[in-house]
Amino acid sequence: QVQLVESGGGLVQPGGSLRLSCAASGSSFRPNTMGWYRQAPGKQRELVVTISRGGSTNYADSVKGRFTISRDNAKNTVYLQMNSLKPEDAAVYYCNAATYYQGYWGRGAQVTGSS
């Protein structure tokens, strides 16, 4: 059974930084794509960034230049370094890991902005 566990959420001030981690576990699980999505209150879940097993990335325009995704294939772990955070970045961040056949979601990590 595949499980994704996010960590690293918290309270940040505008301009601050935060690092999220997501570890995927499961016997023989080798996801092709891993990534992050987010959902703010009252809004739909949206793509933040994905990364392929080979390292190709796809960033949402709103986070380009501020967020950086990285991945450790040996550990089935994906990271999201978030810099220059803005109030509109506050959301629940969900980790996603997908094979060619199925995608899996974590339970989410809360990123809360403070004034």
N, C-alpha and C. Protein backbone atom coordinates (compact mmCIF):
# COMPACT_ATOMS: atom_id res chain seq x y z
N GLN A 1 0.84 -1.18 0.00
CA GLN A 1 0.00 0.00 0.00
C GLN A 1 0.88 1.24 0.00
N VAL A 2 0.56 2.18 -0.89
CA VAL A 2 1.37 3.39 -1.02
C VAL A 2 0.90 4.45 -0.04
N GLN A 3 1.84 5.07 0.64
CA GLN A 3 1.52 6.17 1.54
C GLN A 3 2.45 7.34 1.25
N LEU A 4 1.90 8.53 1.27
CA LEU A 4 2.68 9.74 1.13
C LEU A 4 2.55 10.54 2.41
N VAL A 5 3.67 10.94 2.97
CA VAL A 5 3.64 11.69 4.22
C VAL A 5 4.39 12.99 4.04
N GLU A 6 3.66 14.09 4.16
CA GLU A 6 4.25 15.41 4.04
C GLU A 6 4.72 15.91 5.41
N SER A 7 5.71 16.77 5.38
CA SER A 7 6.18 17.43 6.60
C SER A 7 6.75 18.77 6.23
N GLY A 8 6.85 19.66 7.23
CA GLY A 8 7.50 20.93 7.02
C GLY A 8 6.59 22.13 6.91
N GLY A 9 5.31 21.95 6.98
CA GLY A 9 4.41 23.10 6.94
C GLY A 9 4.55 23.96 8.17
N GLY A 10 3.97 25.14 8.13
CA GLY A 10 4.03 26.01 9.29
C GLY A 10 3.59 27.41 8.99
N LEU A 11 3.93 28.29 9.90
CA LEU A 11 3.55 29.70 9.82
C LEU A 11 4.72 30.50 9.27
N VAL A 12 4.46 31.31 8.27
CA VAL A 12 5.54 32.11 7.69
C VAL A 12 5.09 33.54 7.49
N GLN A 13 6.06 34.44 7.54
CA GLN A 13 5.80 35.84 7.26
C GLN A 13 6.06 36.11 5.79
N PRO A 14 5.46 37.12 5.25
CA PRO A 14 5.76 37.50 3.85
C PRO A 14 7.26 37.70 3.66
N GLY A 15 7.77 37.10 2.60
CA GLY A 15 9.19 37.17 2.32
C GLY A 15 9.99 36.05 2.96
N GLY A 16 9.34 35.25 3.76
CA GLY A 16 10.02 34.16 4.45
C GLY A 16 10.18 32.94 3.59
N SER A 17 10.76 31.90 4.19
CA SER A 17 11.03 30.65 3.49
C SER A 17 10.52 29.48 4.29
N LEU A 18 10.25 28.42 3.58
CA LEU A 18 9.78 27.19 4.20
C LEU A 18 10.16 26.04 3.28
N ARG A 19 10.43 24.89 3.87
CA ARG A 19 10.76 23.71 3.08
C ARG A 19 9.81 22.57 3.43
N LEU A 20 9.17 22.06 2.40
CA LEU A 20 8.29 20.91 2.57
C LEU A 20 8.98 19.64 2.08
N SER A 21 8.66 18.55 2.73
CA SER A 21 9.17 17.25 2.32
C SER A 21 8.00 16.28 2.18
N CYS A 22 8.17 15.32 1.31
CA CYS A 22 7.16 14.29 1.14
C CYS A 22 7.85 12.97 0.86
N ALA A 23 7.62 12.02 1.72
CA ALA A 23 8.21 10.69 1.57
C ALA A 23 7.13 9.71 1.15
N ALA A 24 7.39 9.00 0.07
CA ALA A 24 6.45 7.98 -0.42
C ALA A 24 6.95 6.60 -0.03
N SER A 25 6.08 5.82 0.52
CA SER A 25 6.45 4.46 0.92
C SER A 25 5.51 3.47 0.27
N GLY A 26 6.00 2.27 0.10
CA GLY A 26 5.21 1.21 -0.52
C GLY A 26 6.13 0.24 -1.21
N SER A 27 5.82 -0.99 -1.09
CA SER A 27 6.67 -2.03 -1.65
C SER A 27 6.78 -1.86 -3.17
N SER A 28 7.97 -1.73 -3.64
CA SER A 28 8.27 -1.63 -5.07
C SER A 28 7.67 -0.40 -5.74
N PHE A 29 7.32 0.59 -4.96
CA PHE A 29 6.72 1.80 -5.55
C PHE A 29 7.80 2.66 -6.18
N ARG A 30 7.67 2.92 -7.46
CA ARG A 30 8.61 3.76 -8.18
C ARG A 30 7.83 4.78 -9.01
N PRO A 31 7.49 5.88 -8.40
CA PRO A 31 6.68 6.86 -9.14
C PRO A 31 7.44 7.51 -10.27
N ASN A 32 6.74 7.74 -11.38
CA ASN A 32 7.34 8.46 -12.49
C ASN A 32 7.40 9.95 -12.19
N THR A 33 6.28 10.48 -11.75
CA THR A 33 6.18 11.90 -11.47
C THR A 33 5.83 12.12 -10.01
N MET A 34 6.49 13.08 -9.41
CA MET A 34 6.14 13.53 -8.07
C MET A 34 5.94 15.03 -8.11
N GLY A 35 5.16 15.54 -7.20
CA GLY A 35 4.96 16.97 -7.26
C GLY A 35 4.13 17.49 -6.11
N TRP A 36 3.85 18.77 -6.22
CA TRP A 36 3.09 19.48 -5.21
C TRP A 36 1.93 20.23 -5.83
N TYR A 37 0.81 20.17 -5.15
CA TYR A 37 -0.37 20.94 -5.48
C TYR A 37 -0.78 21.68 -4.24
N ARG A 38 -1.61 22.70 -4.40
CA ARG A 38 -2.07 23.41 -3.21
C ARG A 38 -3.53 23.81 -3.36
N GLN A 39 -4.15 23.98 -2.23
CA GLN A 39 -5.55 24.40 -2.22
C GLN A 39 -5.76 25.40 -1.11
N ALA A 40 -6.14 26.61 -1.52
CA ALA A 40 -6.46 27.66 -0.57
C ALA A 40 -7.95 27.59 -0.26
N PRO A 41 -8.37 28.16 0.88
CA PRO A 41 -9.79 28.11 1.25
C PRO A 41 -10.67 28.71 0.16
N GLY A 42 -11.71 27.99 -0.21
CA GLY A 42 -12.63 28.47 -1.21
C GLY A 42 -12.16 28.37 -2.64
N LYS A 43 -11.00 27.77 -2.85
CA LYS A 43 -10.45 27.66 -4.20
C LYS A 43 -10.22 26.20 -4.57
N GLN A 44 -10.06 25.97 -5.86
CA GLN A 44 -9.78 24.62 -6.32
C GLN A 44 -8.30 24.28 -6.11
N ARG A 45 -8.04 23.01 -6.03
CA ARG A 45 -6.65 22.56 -5.93
C ARG A 45 -5.94 22.90 -7.24
N GLU A 46 -4.73 23.41 -7.11
CA GLU A 46 -3.99 23.82 -8.30
C GLU A 46 -2.57 23.27 -8.27
N LEU A 47 -2.02 23.13 -9.45
CA LEU A 47 -0.65 22.67 -9.59
C LEU A 47 0.32 23.71 -9.06
N VAL A 48 1.31 23.26 -8.32
CA VAL A 48 2.43 24.12 -7.94
C VAL A 48 3.63 23.76 -8.81
N VAL A 49 4.03 22.50 -8.75
CA VAL A 49 5.17 22.05 -9.54
C VAL A 49 5.22 20.53 -9.54
N THR A 50 5.69 19.97 -10.64
CA THR A 50 5.94 18.54 -10.71
C THR A 50 7.37 18.29 -11.18
N ILE A 51 7.85 17.10 -10.88
CA ILE A 51 9.19 16.71 -11.31
C ILE A 51 9.16 15.26 -11.74
N SER A 52 9.75 14.98 -12.88
CA SER A 52 9.80 13.61 -13.38
C SER A 52 10.94 12.85 -12.73
N ARG A 53 10.96 11.57 -12.96
CA ARG A 53 12.02 10.75 -12.40
C ARG A 53 13.38 11.19 -12.93
N GLY A 54 13.38 11.69 -14.14
CA GLY A 54 14.63 12.16 -14.73
C GLY A 54 14.99 13.59 -14.39
N GLY A 55 14.11 14.28 -13.67
CA GLY A 55 14.43 15.62 -13.21
C GLY A 55 13.79 16.76 -13.99
N SER A 56 12.95 16.44 -14.97
CA SER A 56 12.26 17.50 -15.69
C SER A 56 11.18 18.11 -14.80
N THR A 57 11.09 19.42 -14.81
CA THR A 57 10.16 20.10 -13.92
C THR A 57 9.11 20.91 -14.69
N ASN A 58 8.01 21.14 -14.02
CA ASN A 58 6.94 21.96 -14.57
C ASN A 58 6.39 22.82 -13.46
N TYR A 59 6.69 24.11 -13.49
CA TYR A 59 6.29 25.03 -12.45
C TYR A 59 5.08 25.85 -12.88
N ALA A 60 4.22 26.14 -11.92
CA ALA A 60 3.18 27.12 -12.16
C ALA A 60 3.84 28.49 -12.28
N ASP A 61 3.29 29.34 -13.14
CA ASP A 61 3.88 30.66 -13.35
C ASP A 61 3.97 31.45 -12.05
N SER A 62 3.01 31.24 -11.17
CA SER A 62 2.95 32.03 -9.95
C SER A 62 4.09 31.75 -8.98
N VAL A 63 4.79 30.64 -9.16
CA VAL A 63 5.86 30.29 -8.22
C VAL A 63 7.24 30.25 -8.88
N LYS A 64 7.30 30.43 -10.17
CA LYS A 64 8.59 30.40 -10.87
C LYS A 64 9.54 31.43 -10.29
N GLY A 65 10.76 30.99 -10.05
CA GLY A 65 11.77 31.88 -9.51
C GLY A 65 11.76 31.99 -8.00
N ARG A 66 10.73 31.45 -7.37
CA ARG A 66 10.63 31.52 -5.91
C ARG A 66 10.66 30.13 -5.27
N PHE A 67 10.05 29.16 -5.93
CA PHE A 67 9.98 27.80 -5.39
C PHE A 67 10.92 26.91 -6.20
N THR A 68 11.49 25.93 -5.50
CA THR A 68 12.37 24.96 -6.15
C THR A 68 12.01 23.56 -5.69
N ILE A 69 11.77 22.70 -6.64
CA ILE A 69 11.48 21.30 -6.32
C ILE A 69 12.73 20.47 -6.54
N SER A 70 12.90 19.47 -5.70
CA SER A 70 13.98 18.51 -5.88
C SER A 70 13.48 17.14 -5.46
N ARG A 71 14.26 16.15 -5.85
CA ARG A 71 13.76 14.78 -5.66
C ARG A 71 14.94 13.85 -5.40
N ASP A 72 14.71 12.93 -4.49
CA ASP A 72 15.68 11.87 -4.22
C ASP A 72 15.02 10.55 -4.58
N ASN A 73 15.35 10.03 -5.74
CA ASN A 73 14.70 8.81 -6.22
C ASN A 73 14.98 7.61 -5.32
N ALA A 74 16.16 7.56 -4.77
CA ALA A 74 16.51 6.43 -3.92
C ALA A 74 15.64 6.39 -2.67
N LYS A 75 15.22 7.56 -2.21
CA LYS A 75 14.40 7.65 -1.01
C LYS A 75 12.93 7.86 -1.31
N ASN A 76 12.59 7.93 -2.60
CA ASN A 76 11.20 8.22 -2.98
C ASN A 76 10.68 9.46 -2.25
N THR A 77 11.52 10.47 -2.20
CA THR A 77 11.19 11.68 -1.46
C THR A 77 11.30 12.90 -2.38
N VAL A 78 10.36 13.80 -2.22
CA VAL A 78 10.38 15.04 -2.98
C VAL A 78 10.35 16.21 -2.00
N TYR A 79 11.04 17.27 -2.37
CA TYR A 79 11.17 18.45 -1.51
C TYR A 79 10.66 19.67 -2.26
N LEU A 80 10.18 20.62 -1.51
CA LEU A 80 9.78 21.89 -2.09
C LEU A 80 10.35 23.02 -1.24
N GLN A 81 11.32 23.71 -1.79
CA GLN A 81 11.89 24.88 -1.12
C GLN A 81 11.11 26.10 -1.57
N MET A 82 10.51 26.78 -0.65
CA MET A 82 9.68 27.94 -0.95
C MET A 82 10.33 29.19 -0.37
N ASN A 83 10.70 30.10 -1.21
CA ASN A 83 11.32 31.36 -0.81
C ASN A 83 10.44 32.53 -1.21
N SER A 84 10.73 33.67 -0.63
CA SER A 84 9.99 34.90 -0.96
C SER A 84 8.49 34.66 -0.92
N LEU A 85 8.05 34.05 0.14
CA LEU A 85 6.64 33.68 0.25
C LEU A 85 5.74 34.91 0.29
N LYS A 86 4.59 34.77 -0.34
CA LYS A 86 3.60 35.83 -0.40
C LYS A 86 2.34 35.38 0.33
N PRO A 87 1.51 36.32 0.72
CA PRO A 87 0.26 35.94 1.40
C PRO A 87 -0.58 34.96 0.57
N GLU A 88 -0.53 35.12 -0.73
CA GLU A 88 -1.34 34.24 -1.59
C GLU A 88 -0.78 32.84 -1.71
N ASP A 89 0.39 32.58 -1.12
CA ASP A 89 0.93 31.22 -1.11
C ASP A 89 0.33 30.39 0.03
N ALA A 90 -0.37 31.03 0.94
CA ALA A 90 -0.98 30.29 2.05
C ALA A 90 -2.00 29.31 1.52
N ALA A 91 -1.87 28.06 1.92
CA ALA A 91 -2.75 27.00 1.42
C ALA A 91 -2.37 25.70 2.10
N VAL A 92 -3.15 24.69 1.82
CA VAL A 92 -2.73 23.33 2.16
C VAL A 92 -1.99 22.78 0.96
N TYR A 93 -0.79 22.32 1.18
CA TYR A 93 0.05 21.79 0.11
C TYR A 93 -0.01 20.27 0.13
N TYR A 94 -0.39 19.71 -1.01
CA TYR A 94 -0.55 18.27 -1.13
C TYR A 94 0.55 17.69 -2.01
N CYS A 95 1.13 16.63 -1.54
CA CYS A 95 2.11 15.89 -2.31
C CYS A 95 1.39 14.89 -3.21
N ASN A 96 1.90 14.72 -4.40
CA ASN A 96 1.35 13.75 -5.34
C ASN A 96 2.47 12.91 -5.92
N ALA A 97 2.21 11.64 -6.05
CA ALA A 97 3.16 10.73 -6.69
C ALA A 97 2.38 9.83 -7.63
N ALA A 98 2.87 9.70 -8.84
CA ALA A 98 2.11 8.99 -9.85
C ALA A 98 2.97 8.05 -10.67
N THR A 99 2.42 6.87 -10.94
CA THR A 99 3.00 5.98 -11.92
C THR A 99 2.22 6.18 -13.22
N TYR A 100 2.47 5.34 -14.21
CA TYR A 100 1.71 5.46 -15.44
C TYR A 100 0.24 5.08 -15.23
N TYR A 101 -0.03 4.35 -14.14
CA TYR A 101 -1.35 3.78 -13.95
C TYR A 101 -2.18 4.45 -12.87
N GLN A 102 -1.53 5.04 -11.89
CA GLN A 102 -2.28 5.55 -10.76
C GLN A 102 -1.52 6.67 -10.05
N GLY A 103 -2.30 7.59 -9.49
CA GLY A 103 -1.73 8.67 -8.71
C GLY A 103 -2.14 8.55 -7.26
N TYR A 104 -1.30 9.06 -6.39
CA TYR A 104 -1.55 8.99 -4.95
C TYR A 104 -1.35 10.37 -4.35
N TRP A 105 -2.10 10.62 -3.28
CA TRP A 105 -2.05 11.91 -2.61
C TRP A 105 -1.67 11.76 -1.15
N GLY A 106 -0.94 12.74 -0.64
CA GLY A 106 -0.73 12.84 0.77
C GLY A 106 -1.89 13.56 1.43
N ARG A 107 -1.83 13.69 2.74
CA ARG A 107 -2.93 14.31 3.47
C ARG A 107 -2.82 15.83 3.50
N GLY A 108 -1.68 16.34 3.14
CA GLY A 108 -1.53 17.78 3.07
C GLY A 108 -0.71 18.37 4.20
N ALA A 109 -0.04 19.46 3.90
CA ALA A 109 0.73 20.21 4.88
C ALA A 109 0.26 21.66 4.83
N GLN A 110 -0.10 22.19 5.97
CA GLN A 110 -0.65 23.54 6.04
C GLN A 110 0.47 24.57 6.02
N VAL A 111 0.35 25.51 5.12
CA VAL A 111 1.24 26.67 5.09
C VAL A 111 0.38 27.89 5.36
N THR A 112 0.64 28.54 6.46
CA THR A 112 -0.19 29.65 6.90
C THR A 112 0.64 30.92 6.90
N GLY A 113 0.07 31.96 6.34
CA GLY A 113 0.77 33.23 6.32
C GLY A 113 0.45 34.05 7.56
N SER A 114 1.43 34.80 8.00
CA SER A 114 1.22 35.70 9.13
C SER A 114 1.53 37.12 8.70
N SER A 115 0.82 38.05 9.25
CA SER A 115 1.03 39.46 8.87
C SER A 115 2.09 40.11 9.73
